[in-house]
Amino acid sequence: MIHRFRFVLACVVTLVLGGQAHGQPLLPEQVFTFGTEVNESINDVAMTESGDVFAVGTKDGPGQPDLLILKYRRDGTLAFAKIYAFGVDCTGRSIEVMGDGGIVVSAYIATRFVDALTMRLDSLGNVIWANTWGSGDWDPGNGLAIDASGNVYQNVASLGLGSIDNVQVKYDGAGSLIH
């Protein structure tokens, strides 16, 4: 049996952007669907200047949950669905679009500890760079921001200092850790 879910990204985008996608009216038929024989969940969406929509989340399956990234064209057709399997639990939490149309994803990855994963991908979902950051304890990656220079800021909820603290991890556009 195939379990399908429908998530209406157009409604989310309509609420956030007031009914327009970067100045372009949203099409009434913009209902985006994706489904396989296992459960998927979407945790964040982001839209390009042209109206394409990226979504990030997780796909359950045999073994551990995997990172799931979807891209939909403005007309609602699926451009790609990519699953990044690391052999351990990995869940996408946040996604942002870069100036060149590529994306940055924030996730958590449960290796020996839970670490923050930051991935920079091109517009086709190919990995440009990926980094993990952790204190040796529970450090899931959460939100993202990108500045005008292309630096990536990841918000991490870190338990490494004995209590949950917010840590801002900064990478340059090439993926080198700044702080």
N, C-alpha and C. Protein backbone atom coordinates (compact mmCIF):
# COMPACT_ATOMS: atom_id res chain seq x y z
N MET A 1 0.84 -1.18 0.00
CA MET A 1 0.00 0.00 0.00
C MET A 1 0.88 1.24 0.00
N ILE A 2 0.57 2.18 -0.85
CA ILE A 2 1.32 3.42 -0.92
C ILE A 2 0.62 4.47 -0.08
N HIS A 3 1.36 5.03 0.87
CA HIS A 3 0.84 6.11 1.70
C HIS A 3 1.22 7.42 1.03
N ARG A 4 0.27 8.21 0.69
CA ARG A 4 0.54 9.50 0.07
C ARG A 4 0.11 10.60 1.01
N PHE A 5 0.87 11.66 1.00
CA PHE A 5 0.43 12.82 1.74
C PHE A 5 0.43 13.99 0.78
N ARG A 6 -0.37 14.95 1.08
CA ARG A 6 -0.42 16.18 0.29
C ARG A 6 -0.05 17.31 1.21
N PHE A 7 0.88 18.08 0.79
CA PHE A 7 1.16 19.28 1.55
C PHE A 7 0.98 20.43 0.59
N VAL A 8 0.29 21.41 1.04
CA VAL A 8 -0.09 22.52 0.18
C VAL A 8 0.89 23.66 0.41
N LEU A 9 2.00 23.59 -0.30
CA LEU A 9 3.02 24.62 -0.17
C LEU A 9 2.49 25.96 -0.61
N ALA A 10 1.58 25.97 -1.57
CA ALA A 10 1.03 27.24 -2.03
C ALA A 10 0.34 27.97 -0.89
N CYS A 11 -0.35 27.26 -0.02
CA CYS A 11 -1.00 27.91 1.12
C CYS A 11 0.02 28.48 2.08
N VAL A 12 1.09 27.74 2.34
CA VAL A 12 2.14 28.23 3.22
C VAL A 12 2.77 29.48 2.63
N VAL A 13 3.09 29.42 1.35
CA VAL A 13 3.71 30.56 0.68
C VAL A 13 2.73 31.73 0.64
N THR A 14 1.46 31.46 0.41
CA THR A 14 0.45 32.52 0.38
C THR A 14 0.39 33.23 1.72
N LEU A 15 0.39 32.47 2.80
CA LEU A 15 0.33 33.10 4.12
C LEU A 15 1.58 33.93 4.40
N VAL A 16 2.73 33.41 4.02
CA VAL A 16 3.99 34.10 4.31
C VAL A 16 4.19 35.30 3.41
N LEU A 17 3.87 35.16 2.14
CA LEU A 17 4.16 36.22 1.17
C LEU A 17 2.93 36.99 0.74
N GLY A 18 1.82 36.82 1.41
CA GLY A 18 0.63 37.59 1.11
C GLY A 18 0.01 37.28 -0.23
N GLY A 19 0.08 36.02 -0.67
CA GLY A 19 -0.61 35.63 -1.90
C GLY A 19 0.21 35.80 -3.16
N GLN A 20 1.46 36.21 -3.04
CA GLN A 20 2.29 36.39 -4.21
C GLN A 20 3.63 35.70 -4.00
N ALA A 21 4.16 35.19 -5.06
CA ALA A 21 5.48 34.58 -5.03
C ALA A 21 6.45 35.54 -5.70
N HIS A 22 7.17 36.29 -4.89
CA HIS A 22 8.11 37.28 -5.41
C HIS A 22 7.45 38.17 -6.46
N GLY A 23 6.27 38.65 -6.14
CA GLY A 23 5.56 39.57 -7.02
C GLY A 23 4.70 38.89 -8.06
N GLN A 24 4.79 37.57 -8.18
CA GLN A 24 4.00 36.84 -9.16
C GLN A 24 2.82 36.17 -8.45
N PRO A 25 1.59 36.31 -8.97
CA PRO A 25 0.46 35.64 -8.33
C PRO A 25 0.66 34.13 -8.33
N LEU A 26 0.24 33.50 -7.26
CA LEU A 26 0.31 32.05 -7.20
C LEU A 26 -0.81 31.44 -8.02
N LEU A 27 -0.51 30.33 -8.65
CA LEU A 27 -1.50 29.64 -9.46
C LEU A 27 -2.41 28.81 -8.57
N PRO A 28 -3.73 28.78 -8.84
CA PRO A 28 -4.62 28.00 -7.98
C PRO A 28 -4.31 26.51 -7.99
N GLU A 29 -3.68 26.02 -9.05
CA GLU A 29 -3.39 24.59 -9.11
C GLU A 29 -2.07 24.23 -8.45
N GLN A 30 -1.46 25.15 -7.72
CA GLN A 30 -0.19 24.86 -7.07
C GLN A 30 -0.37 24.07 -5.79
N VAL A 31 -0.77 22.83 -5.96
CA VAL A 31 -0.81 21.89 -4.86
C VAL A 31 0.27 20.88 -5.15
N PHE A 32 1.24 20.78 -4.26
CA PHE A 32 2.40 19.94 -4.48
C PHE A 32 2.21 18.64 -3.73
N THR A 33 2.42 17.53 -4.42
CA THR A 33 2.27 16.23 -3.77
C THR A 33 3.53 15.41 -3.96
N PHE A 34 3.77 14.57 -3.00
CA PHE A 34 4.88 13.62 -3.07
C PHE A 34 4.54 12.51 -2.11
N GLY A 35 4.78 11.30 -2.50
CA GLY A 35 4.51 10.20 -1.59
C GLY A 35 5.13 8.92 -2.09
N THR A 36 5.57 8.09 -1.15
CA THR A 36 6.14 6.80 -1.47
C THR A 36 5.48 5.78 -0.56
N GLU A 37 6.06 4.61 -0.49
CA GLU A 37 5.49 3.55 0.33
C GLU A 37 5.78 3.71 1.82
N VAL A 38 6.54 4.73 2.18
CA VAL A 38 6.87 4.99 3.58
C VAL A 38 6.49 6.43 3.92
N ASN A 39 6.66 6.79 5.18
CA ASN A 39 6.29 8.12 5.63
C ASN A 39 7.36 9.16 5.31
N GLU A 40 6.90 10.32 4.90
CA GLU A 40 7.77 11.46 4.71
C GLU A 40 7.21 12.62 5.51
N SER A 41 8.05 13.51 5.94
CA SER A 41 7.57 14.73 6.59
C SER A 41 8.42 15.89 6.11
N ILE A 42 7.77 17.04 5.97
CA ILE A 42 8.43 18.26 5.52
C ILE A 42 8.49 19.22 6.71
N ASN A 43 9.67 19.79 6.95
CA ASN A 43 9.86 20.69 8.07
C ASN A 43 10.03 22.15 7.66
N ASP A 44 10.42 22.42 6.42
CA ASP A 44 10.60 23.80 6.00
C ASP A 44 10.53 23.88 4.47
N VAL A 45 10.17 25.06 3.99
CA VAL A 45 10.11 25.32 2.55
C VAL A 45 10.78 26.66 2.27
N ALA A 46 11.26 26.81 1.04
CA ALA A 46 11.85 28.07 0.59
C ALA A 46 11.55 28.23 -0.90
N MET A 47 11.41 29.48 -1.33
CA MET A 47 11.05 29.76 -2.72
C MET A 47 12.16 30.57 -3.40
N THR A 48 12.43 30.23 -4.66
CA THR A 48 13.40 30.98 -5.45
C THR A 48 12.73 32.22 -6.04
N GLU A 49 13.54 33.10 -6.60
CA GLU A 49 13.00 34.30 -7.26
C GLU A 49 12.06 33.95 -8.40
N SER A 50 12.31 32.81 -9.07
CA SER A 50 11.48 32.41 -10.21
C SER A 50 10.20 31.68 -9.79
N GLY A 51 10.05 31.42 -8.50
CA GLY A 51 8.84 30.75 -8.03
C GLY A 51 8.97 29.26 -7.82
N ASP A 52 10.17 28.68 -8.06
CA ASP A 52 10.38 27.27 -7.73
C ASP A 52 10.38 27.14 -6.20
N VAL A 53 9.98 25.97 -5.71
CA VAL A 53 9.88 25.74 -4.28
C VAL A 53 10.73 24.55 -3.89
N PHE A 54 11.56 24.74 -2.86
CA PHE A 54 12.32 23.65 -2.26
C PHE A 54 11.67 23.29 -0.94
N ALA A 55 11.72 22.01 -0.59
CA ALA A 55 11.22 21.53 0.69
C ALA A 55 12.25 20.59 1.30
N VAL A 56 12.37 20.62 2.63
CA VAL A 56 13.33 19.75 3.31
C VAL A 56 12.63 19.06 4.47
N GLY A 57 13.03 17.83 4.72
CA GLY A 57 12.46 17.07 5.83
C GLY A 57 13.14 15.73 5.96
N THR A 58 12.32 14.71 6.20
CA THR A 58 12.86 13.37 6.41
C THR A 58 11.97 12.33 5.73
N LYS A 59 12.59 11.21 5.38
CA LYS A 59 11.88 10.08 4.80
C LYS A 59 12.22 8.85 5.63
N ASP A 60 11.19 8.26 6.21
CA ASP A 60 11.39 7.00 6.94
C ASP A 60 11.54 5.89 5.93
N GLY A 61 12.18 4.85 6.34
CA GLY A 61 12.33 3.72 5.45
C GLY A 61 13.03 2.60 6.17
N PRO A 62 13.48 1.63 5.41
CA PRO A 62 14.24 0.58 6.07
C PRO A 62 15.51 1.20 6.67
N GLY A 63 15.80 0.85 7.89
CA GLY A 63 16.96 1.45 8.54
C GLY A 63 16.60 2.77 9.19
N GLN A 64 17.50 3.72 9.11
CA GLN A 64 17.34 5.01 9.76
C GLN A 64 16.61 6.01 8.87
N PRO A 65 15.95 7.02 9.47
CA PRO A 65 15.35 8.09 8.66
C PRO A 65 16.43 8.84 7.88
N ASP A 66 16.11 9.23 6.67
CA ASP A 66 17.05 9.89 5.77
C ASP A 66 16.62 11.32 5.48
N LEU A 67 17.59 12.15 5.14
CA LEU A 67 17.34 13.53 4.74
C LEU A 67 16.63 13.54 3.38
N LEU A 68 15.56 14.30 3.28
CA LEU A 68 14.76 14.39 2.05
C LEU A 68 14.74 15.84 1.58
N ILE A 69 15.06 16.06 0.31
CA ILE A 69 14.96 17.38 -0.29
C ILE A 69 14.16 17.26 -1.58
N LEU A 70 13.12 18.09 -1.69
CA LEU A 70 12.26 18.12 -2.88
C LEU A 70 12.39 19.47 -3.55
N LYS A 71 12.26 19.48 -4.87
CA LYS A 71 12.19 20.74 -5.61
C LYS A 71 11.01 20.66 -6.56
N TYR A 72 10.17 21.69 -6.50
CA TYR A 72 9.02 21.80 -7.39
C TYR A 72 9.19 23.03 -8.27
N ARG A 73 8.82 22.86 -9.54
CA ARG A 73 8.80 24.01 -10.45
C ARG A 73 7.60 24.89 -10.12
N ARG A 74 7.60 26.08 -10.62
CA ARG A 74 6.52 27.03 -10.37
C ARG A 74 5.16 26.46 -10.75
N ASP A 75 5.11 25.61 -11.76
CA ASP A 75 3.82 25.05 -12.20
C ASP A 75 3.37 23.87 -11.33
N GLY A 76 4.15 23.53 -10.31
CA GLY A 76 3.76 22.45 -9.39
C GLY A 76 4.32 21.09 -9.74
N THR A 77 5.04 20.96 -10.84
CA THR A 77 5.61 19.65 -11.19
C THR A 77 6.87 19.42 -10.37
N LEU A 78 7.09 18.17 -10.04
CA LEU A 78 8.25 17.78 -9.26
C LEU A 78 9.50 17.81 -10.13
N ALA A 79 10.47 18.65 -9.79
CA ALA A 79 11.75 18.70 -10.51
C ALA A 79 12.67 17.58 -10.02
N PHE A 80 12.74 17.38 -8.71
CA PHE A 80 13.49 16.25 -8.17
C PHE A 80 13.07 15.97 -6.74
N ALA A 81 13.30 14.72 -6.36
CA ALA A 81 13.17 14.27 -4.97
C ALA A 81 14.46 13.52 -4.68
N LYS A 82 15.26 14.08 -3.78
CA LYS A 82 16.55 13.46 -3.47
C LYS A 82 16.58 13.03 -2.02
N ILE A 83 17.10 11.83 -1.83
CA ILE A 83 17.24 11.26 -0.50
C ILE A 83 18.73 11.12 -0.24
N TYR A 84 19.17 11.68 0.88
CA TYR A 84 20.57 11.63 1.27
C TYR A 84 20.65 10.68 2.47
N ALA A 85 21.18 9.46 2.22
CA ALA A 85 21.23 8.42 3.24
C ALA A 85 22.64 8.38 3.82
N PHE A 86 22.72 8.58 5.12
CA PHE A 86 24.00 8.58 5.82
C PHE A 86 24.19 7.33 6.66
N GLY A 87 23.18 6.47 6.71
CA GLY A 87 23.27 5.26 7.52
C GLY A 87 22.94 5.50 8.99
N VAL A 88 22.62 6.73 9.32
CA VAL A 88 22.19 7.11 10.67
C VAL A 88 21.00 8.05 10.53
N ASP A 89 20.31 8.30 11.61
CA ASP A 89 19.16 9.21 11.60
C ASP A 89 19.60 10.60 11.16
N CYS A 90 18.95 11.15 10.14
CA CYS A 90 19.26 12.50 9.66
C CYS A 90 17.96 13.16 9.22
N THR A 91 17.65 14.30 9.83
CA THR A 91 16.40 15.01 9.56
C THR A 91 16.69 16.45 9.17
N GLY A 92 16.18 16.86 8.01
CA GLY A 92 16.30 18.25 7.58
C GLY A 92 15.39 19.15 8.38
N ARG A 93 15.92 20.27 8.86
CA ARG A 93 15.15 21.17 9.72
C ARG A 93 14.84 22.50 9.06
N SER A 94 15.78 23.02 8.23
CA SER A 94 15.61 24.35 7.66
C SER A 94 16.27 24.40 6.29
N ILE A 95 15.76 25.29 5.43
CA ILE A 95 16.31 25.42 4.08
C ILE A 95 16.25 26.88 3.67
N GLU A 96 17.29 27.34 2.98
CA GLU A 96 17.36 28.70 2.46
C GLU A 96 17.89 28.65 1.03
N VAL A 97 17.43 29.59 0.21
CA VAL A 97 17.88 29.69 -1.18
C VAL A 97 19.03 30.69 -1.25
N MET A 98 20.09 30.32 -1.95
CA MET A 98 21.24 31.20 -2.17
C MET A 98 20.97 32.09 -3.38
N GLY A 99 21.77 33.11 -3.54
CA GLY A 99 21.62 34.04 -4.65
C GLY A 99 21.76 33.41 -6.02
N ASP A 100 22.51 32.30 -6.12
CA ASP A 100 22.71 31.62 -7.41
C ASP A 100 21.64 30.57 -7.69
N GLY A 101 20.63 30.46 -6.82
CA GLY A 101 19.58 29.46 -7.02
C GLY A 101 19.85 28.15 -6.32
N GLY A 102 21.04 27.98 -5.77
CA GLY A 102 21.34 26.80 -4.97
C GLY A 102 20.70 26.93 -3.61
N ILE A 103 20.92 25.95 -2.76
CA ILE A 103 20.29 25.95 -1.44
C ILE A 103 21.30 25.59 -0.35
N VAL A 104 20.94 25.95 0.86
CA VAL A 104 21.66 25.51 2.06
C VAL A 104 20.63 24.85 2.97
N VAL A 105 21.01 23.73 3.55
CA VAL A 105 20.12 22.95 4.41
C VAL A 105 20.75 22.82 5.79
N SER A 106 19.93 22.99 6.82
CA SER A 106 20.32 22.71 8.19
C SER A 106 19.61 21.45 8.62
N ALA A 107 20.35 20.55 9.27
CA ALA A 107 19.78 19.28 9.68
C ALA A 107 20.43 18.83 10.98
N TYR A 108 19.91 17.75 11.52
CA TYR A 108 20.66 17.08 12.58
C TYR A 108 20.97 15.68 12.09
N ILE A 109 22.13 15.21 12.53
CA ILE A 109 22.57 13.88 12.15
C ILE A 109 23.01 13.17 13.42
N ALA A 110 22.47 11.99 13.64
CA ALA A 110 22.73 11.25 14.88
C ALA A 110 23.80 10.20 14.62
N THR A 111 25.04 10.60 14.79
CA THR A 111 26.15 9.65 14.70
C THR A 111 26.35 9.10 16.11
N ARG A 112 27.51 9.23 16.68
CA ARG A 112 27.69 8.84 18.09
C ARG A 112 26.91 9.78 18.99
N PHE A 113 26.92 11.06 18.62
CA PHE A 113 26.13 12.09 19.29
C PHE A 113 25.22 12.71 18.24
N VAL A 114 24.35 13.61 18.64
CA VAL A 114 23.55 14.36 17.67
C VAL A 114 24.32 15.62 17.32
N ASP A 115 24.66 15.79 16.04
CA ASP A 115 25.42 16.94 15.57
C ASP A 115 24.61 17.74 14.57
N ALA A 116 25.01 19.00 14.40
CA ALA A 116 24.41 19.86 13.39
C ALA A 116 25.07 19.56 12.05
N LEU A 117 24.27 19.41 11.03
CA LEU A 117 24.75 19.20 9.66
C LEU A 117 24.34 20.40 8.83
N THR A 118 25.29 20.97 8.11
CA THR A 118 25.01 22.04 7.16
C THR A 118 25.47 21.55 5.79
N MET A 119 24.56 21.64 4.80
CA MET A 119 24.89 21.21 3.44
C MET A 119 24.60 22.34 2.47
N ARG A 120 25.53 22.58 1.56
CA ARG A 120 25.35 23.54 0.47
C ARG A 120 25.18 22.72 -0.79
N LEU A 121 24.08 22.94 -1.53
CA LEU A 121 23.78 22.19 -2.73
C LEU A 121 23.52 23.14 -3.89
N ASP A 122 23.76 22.68 -5.11
CA ASP A 122 23.41 23.49 -6.27
C ASP A 122 21.91 23.36 -6.54
N SER A 123 21.44 24.03 -7.57
CA SER A 123 19.99 24.05 -7.84
C SER A 123 19.44 22.70 -8.29
N LEU A 124 20.33 21.75 -8.60
CA LEU A 124 19.90 20.40 -8.99
C LEU A 124 19.99 19.41 -7.84
N GLY A 125 20.41 19.90 -6.64
CA GLY A 125 20.50 19.03 -5.48
C GLY A 125 21.83 18.32 -5.33
N ASN A 126 22.84 18.71 -6.12
CA ASN A 126 24.16 18.12 -5.99
C ASN A 126 24.92 18.79 -4.85
N VAL A 127 25.56 18.00 -4.01
CA VAL A 127 26.26 18.53 -2.84
C VAL A 127 27.52 19.26 -3.28
N ILE A 128 27.64 20.51 -2.85
CA ILE A 128 28.85 21.32 -3.07
C ILE A 128 29.77 21.16 -1.87
N TRP A 129 29.23 21.28 -0.68
CA TRP A 129 29.98 21.00 0.55
C TRP A 129 29.01 20.62 1.66
N ALA A 130 29.55 19.91 2.63
CA ALA A 130 28.76 19.51 3.80
C ALA A 130 29.69 19.51 5.01
N ASN A 131 29.19 20.02 6.14
CA ASN A 131 29.96 20.08 7.37
C ASN A 131 29.08 19.69 8.54
N THR A 132 29.72 19.10 9.55
CA THR A 132 29.03 18.86 10.80
C THR A 132 29.72 19.67 11.88
N TRP A 133 28.93 20.03 12.89
CA TRP A 133 29.46 20.74 14.04
C TRP A 133 28.82 20.13 15.28
N GLY A 134 29.64 19.91 16.31
CA GLY A 134 29.11 19.37 17.54
C GLY A 134 30.07 19.55 18.69
N SER A 135 29.51 19.52 19.88
CA SER A 135 30.30 19.72 21.09
C SER A 135 30.63 18.41 21.79
N GLY A 136 30.19 17.31 21.21
CA GLY A 136 30.36 16.02 21.87
C GLY A 136 29.14 15.63 22.68
N ASP A 137 28.03 16.29 22.43
CA ASP A 137 26.79 16.00 23.12
C ASP A 137 25.65 16.22 22.14
N TRP A 138 24.54 16.70 22.58
CA TRP A 138 23.32 16.90 21.78
C TRP A 138 23.36 18.29 21.15
N ASP A 139 23.51 18.38 19.81
CA ASP A 139 23.69 19.66 19.12
C ASP A 139 22.95 19.68 17.78
N PRO A 140 21.63 19.61 17.78
CA PRO A 140 20.91 19.59 16.49
C PRO A 140 20.94 20.96 15.81
N GLY A 141 21.10 20.92 14.50
CA GLY A 141 21.02 22.14 13.70
C GLY A 141 19.57 22.56 13.54
N ASN A 142 19.34 23.86 13.58
CA ASN A 142 17.99 24.40 13.44
C ASN A 142 17.94 25.38 12.29
N GLY A 143 17.71 26.65 12.58
CA GLY A 143 17.51 27.66 11.55
C GLY A 143 18.77 28.07 10.82
N LEU A 144 18.56 28.77 9.71
CA LEU A 144 19.64 29.24 8.84
C LEU A 144 19.42 30.70 8.48
N ALA A 145 20.51 31.37 8.15
CA ALA A 145 20.47 32.69 7.53
C ALA A 145 21.67 32.78 6.60
N ILE A 146 21.52 33.58 5.55
CA ILE A 146 22.60 33.80 4.59
C ILE A 146 22.76 35.30 4.44
N ASP A 147 24.00 35.79 4.55
CA ASP A 147 24.21 37.23 4.39
C ASP A 147 24.52 37.57 2.94
N ALA A 148 24.68 38.85 2.65
CA ALA A 148 24.89 39.33 1.28
C ALA A 148 26.19 38.81 0.67
N SER A 149 27.15 38.43 1.50
CA SER A 149 28.42 37.89 1.01
C SER A 149 28.37 36.39 0.78
N GLY A 150 27.26 35.75 1.08
CA GLY A 150 27.13 34.31 0.90
C GLY A 150 27.58 33.50 2.10
N ASN A 151 27.88 34.16 3.23
CA ASN A 151 28.20 33.43 4.45
C ASN A 151 26.93 32.78 4.99
N VAL A 152 27.09 31.61 5.57
CA VAL A 152 25.96 30.83 6.08
C VAL A 152 26.04 30.81 7.60
N TYR A 153 24.93 31.14 8.25
CA TYR A 153 24.82 31.12 9.70
C TYR A 153 23.82 30.04 10.08
N GLN A 154 24.25 29.12 10.92
CA GLN A 154 23.38 28.04 11.38
C GLN A 154 23.15 28.19 12.88
N ASN A 155 21.90 28.12 13.28
CA ASN A 155 21.55 28.15 14.69
C ASN A 155 21.54 26.72 15.20
N VAL A 156 22.28 26.49 16.30
CA VAL A 156 22.39 25.17 16.89
C VAL A 156 21.97 25.26 18.35
N ALA A 157 21.10 24.35 18.77
CA ALA A 157 20.74 24.24 20.18
C ALA A 157 21.69 23.24 20.80
N SER A 158 22.67 23.73 21.57
CA SER A 158 23.75 22.88 22.06
C SER A 158 23.60 22.56 23.54
N LEU A 159 23.75 21.30 23.87
CA LEU A 159 23.74 20.86 25.25
C LEU A 159 25.15 20.66 25.78
N GLY A 160 26.14 20.98 24.98
CA GLY A 160 27.53 20.70 25.31
C GLY A 160 28.08 21.44 26.51
N LEU A 161 27.45 22.53 26.95
CA LEU A 161 27.94 23.27 28.11
C LEU A 161 27.15 22.95 29.37
N GLY A 162 26.35 21.90 29.33
CA GLY A 162 25.62 21.47 30.52
C GLY A 162 24.17 21.91 30.54
N SER A 163 23.83 22.92 29.77
CA SER A 163 22.45 23.34 29.62
C SER A 163 22.26 23.66 28.13
N ILE A 164 21.02 23.82 27.71
CA ILE A 164 20.79 24.10 26.29
C ILE A 164 21.13 25.56 26.02
N ASP A 165 22.10 25.76 25.15
CA ASP A 165 22.54 27.09 24.76
C ASP A 165 22.42 27.23 23.25
N ASN A 166 22.13 28.44 22.80
CA ASN A 166 22.10 28.71 21.37
C ASN A 166 23.50 29.06 20.90
N VAL A 167 23.92 28.41 19.85
CA VAL A 167 25.24 28.63 19.26
C VAL A 167 25.02 29.03 17.81
N GLN A 168 25.69 30.07 17.36
CA GLN A 168 25.66 30.46 15.95
C GLN A 168 26.94 29.97 15.30
N VAL A 169 26.81 29.07 14.34
CA VAL A 169 27.96 28.55 13.60
C VAL A 169 27.98 29.26 12.26
N LYS A 170 29.15 29.78 11.88
CA LYS A 170 29.26 30.56 10.64
C LYS A 170 30.25 29.88 9.69
N TYR A 171 29.79 29.70 8.45
CA TYR A 171 30.62 29.16 7.37
C TYR A 171 30.71 30.20 6.27
N ASP A 172 31.87 30.26 5.61
CA ASP A 172 31.93 31.12 4.42
C ASP A 172 31.29 30.39 3.26
N GLY A 173 31.19 31.04 2.10
CA GLY A 173 30.51 30.47 0.96
C GLY A 173 31.12 29.18 0.43
N ALA A 174 32.40 28.94 0.77
CA ALA A 174 33.08 27.72 0.34
C ALA A 174 32.96 26.60 1.36
N GLY A 175 32.30 26.89 2.51
CA GLY A 175 32.08 25.86 3.52
C GLY A 175 33.12 25.81 4.62
N SER A 176 34.04 26.78 4.64
CA SER A 176 35.04 26.82 5.70
C SER A 176 34.42 27.42 6.98
N LEU A 177 34.70 26.80 8.10
CA LEU A 177 34.20 27.26 9.38
C LEU A 177 34.88 28.57 9.75
N ILE A 178 34.08 29.62 10.01
CA ILE A 178 34.62 30.90 10.44
C ILE A 178 34.58 30.96 11.95
N HIS A 179 33.44 30.65 12.56
CA HIS A 179 33.33 30.52 14.02
C HIS A 179 32.03 29.84 14.38
